[in-house]
Each structure stands twice: as structure tokens, then as C-alpha cells.
Amino acid sequence: MKNINNANAINDKELENVVGGISSNEAVSAAMRHAGVAAGQARLAKCELDYEHGTQVYEIKFYCNGMEYEYDIDANSGAVLKAERDWD
């Protein structure tokens, strides 16, 4: 797992297919902002570009303080499409 502090190490090659979209780093930041989690507190487990109902989304998963967070972030707008959290 990547520590969120190393978010710049996330590979943005898949973003080439998103015209005018946001980067994976911006998607991770949007998810963490929505969750109210500081970058230094979380461990990033997943950040993948995928399709959901015809829309490109970043699927993001991270852990913080015993909680698991899962997000779908619209790869074009940065909007939060799905936000879930559960005990790890």
C-alpha cells in the first residue's frame, strides 16, 4: 500500500484517455477532503481508472484510524459519485 504522502507516485498514464479530466492525485485529494482525512493519516490501497455506467471514474480505497474508505470520483469533473466507509 502507498502512503498518501507518496500520492505523486500514482501512475497517471491511464488519464490519457480522459480529455479535460482530473489527475489521479486530484481524485485522491477530493476523496480525502470529502472524508475529512488528512493526507498524512491515511494509507492508499487503490486508485484505478475504470468505467461506471458509461462514465470514467477513479475507484479509490484508503484506510485511516481503523476505517476503510471507498470512493468513486468522476474522472472528468472530480465530483464524488460514491462514498462509503466501514470499519476495517
N, C-alpha and C. Protein backbone atom coordinates (compact mmCIF):
# COMPACT_ATOMS: atom_id res chain seq x y z
N MET A 1 0.83 -1.18 0.00
CA MET A 1 0.00 0.00 0.00
C MET A 1 0.87 1.24 0.00
N LYS A 2 0.41 2.24 -0.69
CA LYS A 2 1.13 3.50 -0.73
C LYS A 2 0.62 4.40 0.38
N ASN A 3 1.52 5.10 1.02
CA ASN A 3 1.13 6.11 1.97
C ASN A 3 0.64 7.30 1.15
N ILE A 4 -0.37 7.98 1.63
CA ILE A 4 -0.93 9.11 0.90
C ILE A 4 0.14 10.18 0.66
N ASN A 5 1.12 10.29 1.54
CA ASN A 5 2.18 11.28 1.33
C ASN A 5 2.93 11.01 0.04
N ASN A 6 2.89 9.78 -0.47
CA ASN A 6 3.55 9.42 -1.71
C ASN A 6 2.56 9.39 -2.87
N ALA A 7 1.49 10.17 -2.79
CA ALA A 7 0.45 10.15 -3.81
C ALA A 7 0.99 10.52 -5.18
N ASN A 8 2.07 11.30 -5.24
CA ASN A 8 2.64 11.65 -6.54
C ASN A 8 3.19 10.44 -7.26
N ALA A 9 3.39 9.33 -6.56
CA ALA A 9 3.91 8.11 -7.17
C ALA A 9 2.81 7.36 -7.93
N ILE A 10 1.55 7.78 -7.79
CA ILE A 10 0.46 7.12 -8.50
C ILE A 10 0.64 7.35 -10.00
N ASN A 11 0.44 6.32 -10.78
CA ASN A 11 0.65 6.38 -12.22
C ASN A 11 -0.54 7.04 -12.91
N ASP A 12 -0.30 8.09 -13.68
CA ASP A 12 -1.36 8.81 -14.39
C ASP A 12 -1.44 8.43 -15.87
N LYS A 13 -0.77 7.36 -16.30
CA LYS A 13 -0.78 7.00 -17.72
C LYS A 13 -2.20 6.78 -18.24
N GLU A 14 -3.07 6.17 -17.41
CA GLU A 14 -4.43 5.89 -17.86
C GLU A 14 -5.21 7.17 -18.11
N LEU A 15 -4.79 8.28 -17.53
CA LEU A 15 -5.51 9.54 -17.67
C LEU A 15 -5.49 10.05 -19.11
N GLU A 16 -4.58 9.54 -19.94
CA GLU A 16 -4.51 9.98 -21.33
C GLU A 16 -5.84 9.83 -22.05
N ASN A 17 -6.69 8.91 -21.59
CA ASN A 17 -7.99 8.68 -22.21
C ASN A 17 -9.06 9.64 -21.70
N VAL A 18 -8.75 10.46 -20.70
CA VAL A 18 -9.72 11.39 -20.14
C VAL A 18 -9.39 12.79 -20.66
N VAL A 19 -10.19 13.29 -21.58
CA VAL A 19 -9.95 14.61 -22.15
C VAL A 19 -10.48 15.65 -21.16
N GLY A 20 -9.59 16.54 -20.73
CA GLY A 20 -10.01 17.58 -19.80
C GLY A 20 -10.30 17.07 -18.41
N GLY A 21 -9.85 15.87 -18.10
CA GLY A 21 -10.15 15.27 -16.81
C GLY A 21 -9.18 15.67 -15.71
N ILE A 22 -9.41 15.11 -14.55
CA ILE A 22 -8.55 15.37 -13.41
C ILE A 22 -7.52 14.25 -13.29
N SER A 23 -6.45 14.52 -12.58
CA SER A 23 -5.41 13.50 -12.37
C SER A 23 -5.82 12.58 -11.23
N SER A 24 -5.13 11.46 -11.12
CA SER A 24 -5.39 10.54 -10.02
C SER A 24 -5.08 11.21 -8.68
N ASN A 25 -4.06 12.05 -8.64
CA ASN A 25 -3.73 12.77 -7.40
C ASN A 25 -4.86 13.69 -6.98
N GLU A 26 -5.47 14.37 -7.96
CA GLU A 26 -6.60 15.25 -7.66
C GLU A 26 -7.80 14.44 -7.18
N ALA A 27 -8.00 13.26 -7.76
CA ALA A 27 -9.10 12.39 -7.34
C ALA A 27 -8.90 11.92 -5.90
N VAL A 28 -7.69 11.51 -5.56
CA VAL A 28 -7.39 11.09 -4.19
C VAL A 28 -7.61 12.25 -3.23
N SER A 29 -7.15 13.42 -3.60
CA SER A 29 -7.34 14.60 -2.74
C SER A 29 -8.82 14.90 -2.54
N ALA A 30 -9.63 14.78 -3.59
CA ALA A 30 -11.07 15.03 -3.48
C ALA A 30 -11.72 14.03 -2.53
N ALA A 31 -11.33 12.77 -2.63
CA ALA A 31 -11.89 11.74 -1.75
C ALA A 31 -11.52 12.01 -0.29
N MET A 32 -10.26 12.32 -0.06
CA MET A 32 -9.82 12.56 1.31
C MET A 32 -10.46 13.82 1.89
N ARG A 33 -10.60 14.85 1.08
CA ARG A 33 -11.27 16.08 1.54
C ARG A 33 -12.70 15.76 1.94
N HIS A 34 -13.39 14.98 1.11
CA HIS A 34 -14.78 14.60 1.40
C HIS A 34 -14.86 13.79 2.69
N ALA A 35 -13.88 12.92 2.92
CA ALA A 35 -13.87 12.07 4.12
C ALA A 35 -13.40 12.82 5.36
N GLY A 36 -12.78 13.99 5.17
CA GLY A 36 -12.24 14.74 6.30
C GLY A 36 -10.98 14.12 6.86
N VAL A 37 -10.22 13.45 5.99
CA VAL A 37 -9.00 12.75 6.39
C VAL A 37 -7.79 13.52 5.87
N ALA A 38 -6.81 13.76 6.75
CA ALA A 38 -5.58 14.44 6.34
C ALA A 38 -4.67 13.46 5.62
N ALA A 39 -3.93 13.96 4.65
CA ALA A 39 -3.06 13.13 3.81
C ALA A 39 -2.10 12.28 4.62
N GLY A 40 -1.50 12.82 5.64
CA GLY A 40 -0.51 12.09 6.43
C GLY A 40 -1.09 11.01 7.31
N GLN A 41 -2.41 10.94 7.44
CA GLN A 41 -3.05 9.97 8.31
C GLN A 41 -3.48 8.70 7.59
N ALA A 42 -3.56 8.72 6.27
CA ALA A 42 -4.18 7.62 5.52
C ALA A 42 -3.16 6.78 4.78
N ARG A 43 -3.57 5.51 4.50
CA ARG A 43 -2.79 4.61 3.65
C ARG A 43 -3.63 4.32 2.41
N LEU A 44 -3.10 4.64 1.25
CA LEU A 44 -3.80 4.41 -0.01
C LEU A 44 -3.64 2.96 -0.43
N ALA A 45 -4.76 2.29 -0.70
CA ALA A 45 -4.74 0.90 -1.12
C ALA A 45 -5.03 0.74 -2.60
N LYS A 46 -5.81 1.69 -3.18
CA LYS A 46 -6.21 1.53 -4.58
C LYS A 46 -6.56 2.88 -5.18
N CYS A 47 -6.13 3.08 -6.41
CA CYS A 47 -6.55 4.22 -7.22
C CYS A 47 -6.48 3.77 -8.67
N GLU A 48 -7.65 3.42 -9.23
CA GLU A 48 -7.71 2.88 -10.58
C GLU A 48 -8.74 3.64 -11.41
N LEU A 49 -8.43 3.82 -12.66
CA LEU A 49 -9.37 4.43 -13.59
C LEU A 49 -10.23 3.32 -14.18
N ASP A 50 -11.56 3.51 -14.16
CA ASP A 50 -12.49 2.49 -14.61
C ASP A 50 -13.73 3.18 -15.19
N TYR A 51 -14.67 2.38 -15.67
CA TYR A 51 -15.95 2.89 -16.16
C TYR A 51 -17.07 2.42 -15.25
N GLU A 52 -17.98 3.32 -14.92
CA GLU A 52 -19.19 3.01 -14.17
C GLU A 52 -20.35 3.65 -14.92
N HIS A 53 -21.26 2.84 -15.44
CA HIS A 53 -22.44 3.33 -16.15
C HIS A 53 -22.08 4.32 -17.26
N GLY A 54 -21.01 4.00 -18.00
CA GLY A 54 -20.60 4.82 -19.13
C GLY A 54 -19.77 6.04 -18.79
N THR A 55 -19.44 6.22 -17.52
CA THR A 55 -18.65 7.37 -17.08
C THR A 55 -17.31 6.90 -16.55
N GLN A 56 -16.22 7.58 -16.94
CA GLN A 56 -14.92 7.22 -16.40
C GLN A 56 -14.82 7.73 -14.97
N VAL A 57 -14.43 6.82 -14.08
CA VAL A 57 -14.31 7.16 -12.66
C VAL A 57 -12.99 6.61 -12.12
N TYR A 58 -12.51 7.28 -11.09
CA TYR A 58 -11.41 6.73 -10.30
C TYR A 58 -12.02 5.97 -9.14
N GLU A 59 -11.63 4.71 -9.02
CA GLU A 59 -12.03 3.92 -7.86
C GLU A 59 -10.90 4.03 -6.85
N ILE A 60 -11.21 4.57 -5.69
CA ILE A 60 -10.20 4.86 -4.68
C ILE A 60 -10.57 4.15 -3.39
N LYS A 61 -9.55 3.55 -2.76
CA LYS A 61 -9.73 2.92 -1.45
C LYS A 61 -8.55 3.34 -0.58
N PHE A 62 -8.85 3.76 0.65
CA PHE A 62 -7.79 4.07 1.60
C PHE A 62 -8.25 3.75 3.01
N TYR A 63 -7.29 3.68 3.92
CA TYR A 63 -7.54 3.32 5.31
C TYR A 63 -7.03 4.43 6.22
N CYS A 64 -7.78 4.67 7.29
CA CYS A 64 -7.38 5.66 8.28
C CYS A 64 -8.06 5.36 9.61
N ASN A 65 -7.27 5.28 10.68
CA ASN A 65 -7.80 5.10 12.03
C ASN A 65 -8.81 3.97 12.15
N GLY A 66 -8.50 2.83 11.56
CA GLY A 66 -9.36 1.66 11.65
C GLY A 66 -10.56 1.66 10.74
N MET A 67 -10.66 2.65 9.86
CA MET A 67 -11.78 2.73 8.92
C MET A 67 -11.27 2.49 7.50
N GLU A 68 -12.13 1.86 6.70
CA GLU A 68 -11.86 1.66 5.28
C GLU A 68 -12.78 2.61 4.51
N TYR A 69 -12.21 3.38 3.61
CA TYR A 69 -12.97 4.33 2.79
C TYR A 69 -12.90 3.90 1.34
N GLU A 70 -14.06 3.90 0.66
CA GLU A 70 -14.12 3.60 -0.76
C GLU A 70 -14.86 4.72 -1.47
N TYR A 71 -14.26 5.20 -2.55
CA TYR A 71 -14.83 6.31 -3.31
C TYR A 71 -14.81 6.02 -4.79
N ASP A 72 -15.81 6.54 -5.49
CA ASP A 72 -15.80 6.67 -6.94
C ASP A 72 -15.82 8.16 -7.20
N ILE A 73 -14.81 8.64 -7.92
CA ILE A 73 -14.68 10.05 -8.26
C ILE A 73 -14.78 10.20 -9.77
N ASP A 74 -15.68 11.07 -10.24
CA ASP A 74 -15.83 11.32 -11.67
C ASP A 74 -14.50 11.82 -12.23
N ALA A 75 -13.96 11.12 -13.23
CA ALA A 75 -12.63 11.44 -13.77
C ALA A 75 -12.63 12.72 -14.60
N ASN A 76 -13.79 13.20 -14.99
CA ASN A 76 -13.87 14.45 -15.75
C ASN A 76 -14.07 15.66 -14.86
N SER A 77 -15.00 15.55 -13.92
CA SER A 77 -15.37 16.72 -13.11
C SER A 77 -14.76 16.73 -11.72
N GLY A 78 -14.37 15.56 -11.20
CA GLY A 78 -13.88 15.47 -9.82
C GLY A 78 -14.99 15.32 -8.80
N ALA A 79 -16.23 15.17 -9.26
CA ALA A 79 -17.36 15.02 -8.35
C ALA A 79 -17.32 13.66 -7.66
N VAL A 80 -17.75 13.64 -6.41
CA VAL A 80 -17.87 12.39 -5.65
C VAL A 80 -19.14 11.69 -6.11
N LEU A 81 -19.00 10.48 -6.68
CA LEU A 81 -20.15 9.72 -7.16
C LEU A 81 -20.56 8.65 -6.15
N LYS A 82 -19.61 8.15 -5.38
CA LYS A 82 -19.89 7.14 -4.36
C LYS A 82 -18.94 7.38 -3.21
N ALA A 83 -19.47 7.28 -2.00
CA ALA A 83 -18.64 7.42 -0.80
C ALA A 83 -19.14 6.42 0.23
N GLU A 84 -18.27 5.51 0.61
CA GLU A 84 -18.61 4.51 1.63
C GLU A 84 -17.48 4.42 2.64
N ARG A 85 -17.84 4.12 3.87
CA ARG A 85 -16.81 3.85 4.88
C ARG A 85 -17.34 2.76 5.78
N ASP A 86 -16.41 1.98 6.30
CA ASP A 86 -16.75 0.86 7.15
C ASP A 86 -15.56 0.57 8.04
N TRP A 87 -15.80 -0.10 9.13
CA TRP A 87 -14.67 -0.49 10.00
C TRP A 87 -13.80 -1.49 9.27
N ASP A 88 -12.50 -1.30 9.39
CA ASP A 88 -11.52 -2.17 8.74
C ASP A 88 -11.47 -3.51 9.41
